[in-house]
Amino acid sequence: MINKSNNDGVSKNTSSNFSGVVTFNDYFLKSKENGKSKKFNTPSEIPPQISTNHILGALPDFDIVRLFPHLEFVFLPSGEEIHPADELSRYIYFPETAVVSEVCDLADGNSIETAMVGSDGATGLEAILGLKPPPRRARITIEGNAWRIKTDILKQEFVRAGKLQMLLLDYINRHINQISQRLICKSFHLIEKRLCCWLLMLHDRVKNNQLKLTQENTALLFGAHRPSITLAAQALRGKGLIDYSRGGISILDRQGLEYSACECYSVFHLNHSNY
């Protein structure tokens, strides 16, 4: 179990392919799997799918052995804020099953999501680049698991100029592309089409037809009034594309959602999947 401190993650049991907390200690990888401890003494013995995160999963074995002793596996509940606005984070998070929303808050109380991060990337990378703290905060939209590492440790790895640096810079470029396209989408496209696009983006990252979302939370991330989201959701349900209840949204017809989404989704999908 990982203990919670300020912005350090959440004290809960994890649930993953390992069925327990995974720790990495120097050159030995140990995991609790069904109550039994496993030890891997060399890189060749480490399971190839140790991480489904696109960045961590693409690292060569010698980087894995060096980096993983510093990684912690945490469970992130929906609504948890992992990076406050205007602060550089002590930790960088690499989501596995969790989805993180980067949110900007306005003086009038409105908020809007500027980007989402799932297993395709990492959060808090402004601290790695030495930039000023971002004015947006990062909160968990879909609960799940993630790896985290202290920012100072990842900085040291970044300046090695190896594969990790290349992967992080590539992801940062993709992240900027997402933010730019989201601005275009917000400015020119109807809410119903935008909602299709947003649900597809979540589905790409969660890979589950059941999304634990509320219309209130969706409206908050959209920067739209709840009645507008309700009307758009009702229209999609009327077409048989989704269903929803108080606690979530179900994807019924993904192909239909793709057909009904605005043109931005093809950009987002290519940006997300072309690794």
Foldseek 3Di string as FASTA:
>chain_A
DDPDDVLPAHPDFACDPLRGWWAAAQQWTWGQRPNDIDIDRALVRPDLPPALQPLLSPDDSVVCNVPRNQKTKHWADAFDWNFAFQDQHQKKKQAGQWKKFWKAADPVGAIATLFMHFSDAIPRCCVLVVHGGHRTTIGIHFIHMIMMGGSVVVSVVLVVPDSSVVSRVLVVVLRVVSSVLVVVCLVDHAPLQVVLLVVVLSCVRNVAQKGFHALVVVCRHHSHDSVSSVVSVVVCVVVVQWDDDRGTIGGRNNVVSVVSHDPSSVVNVCSRPVD
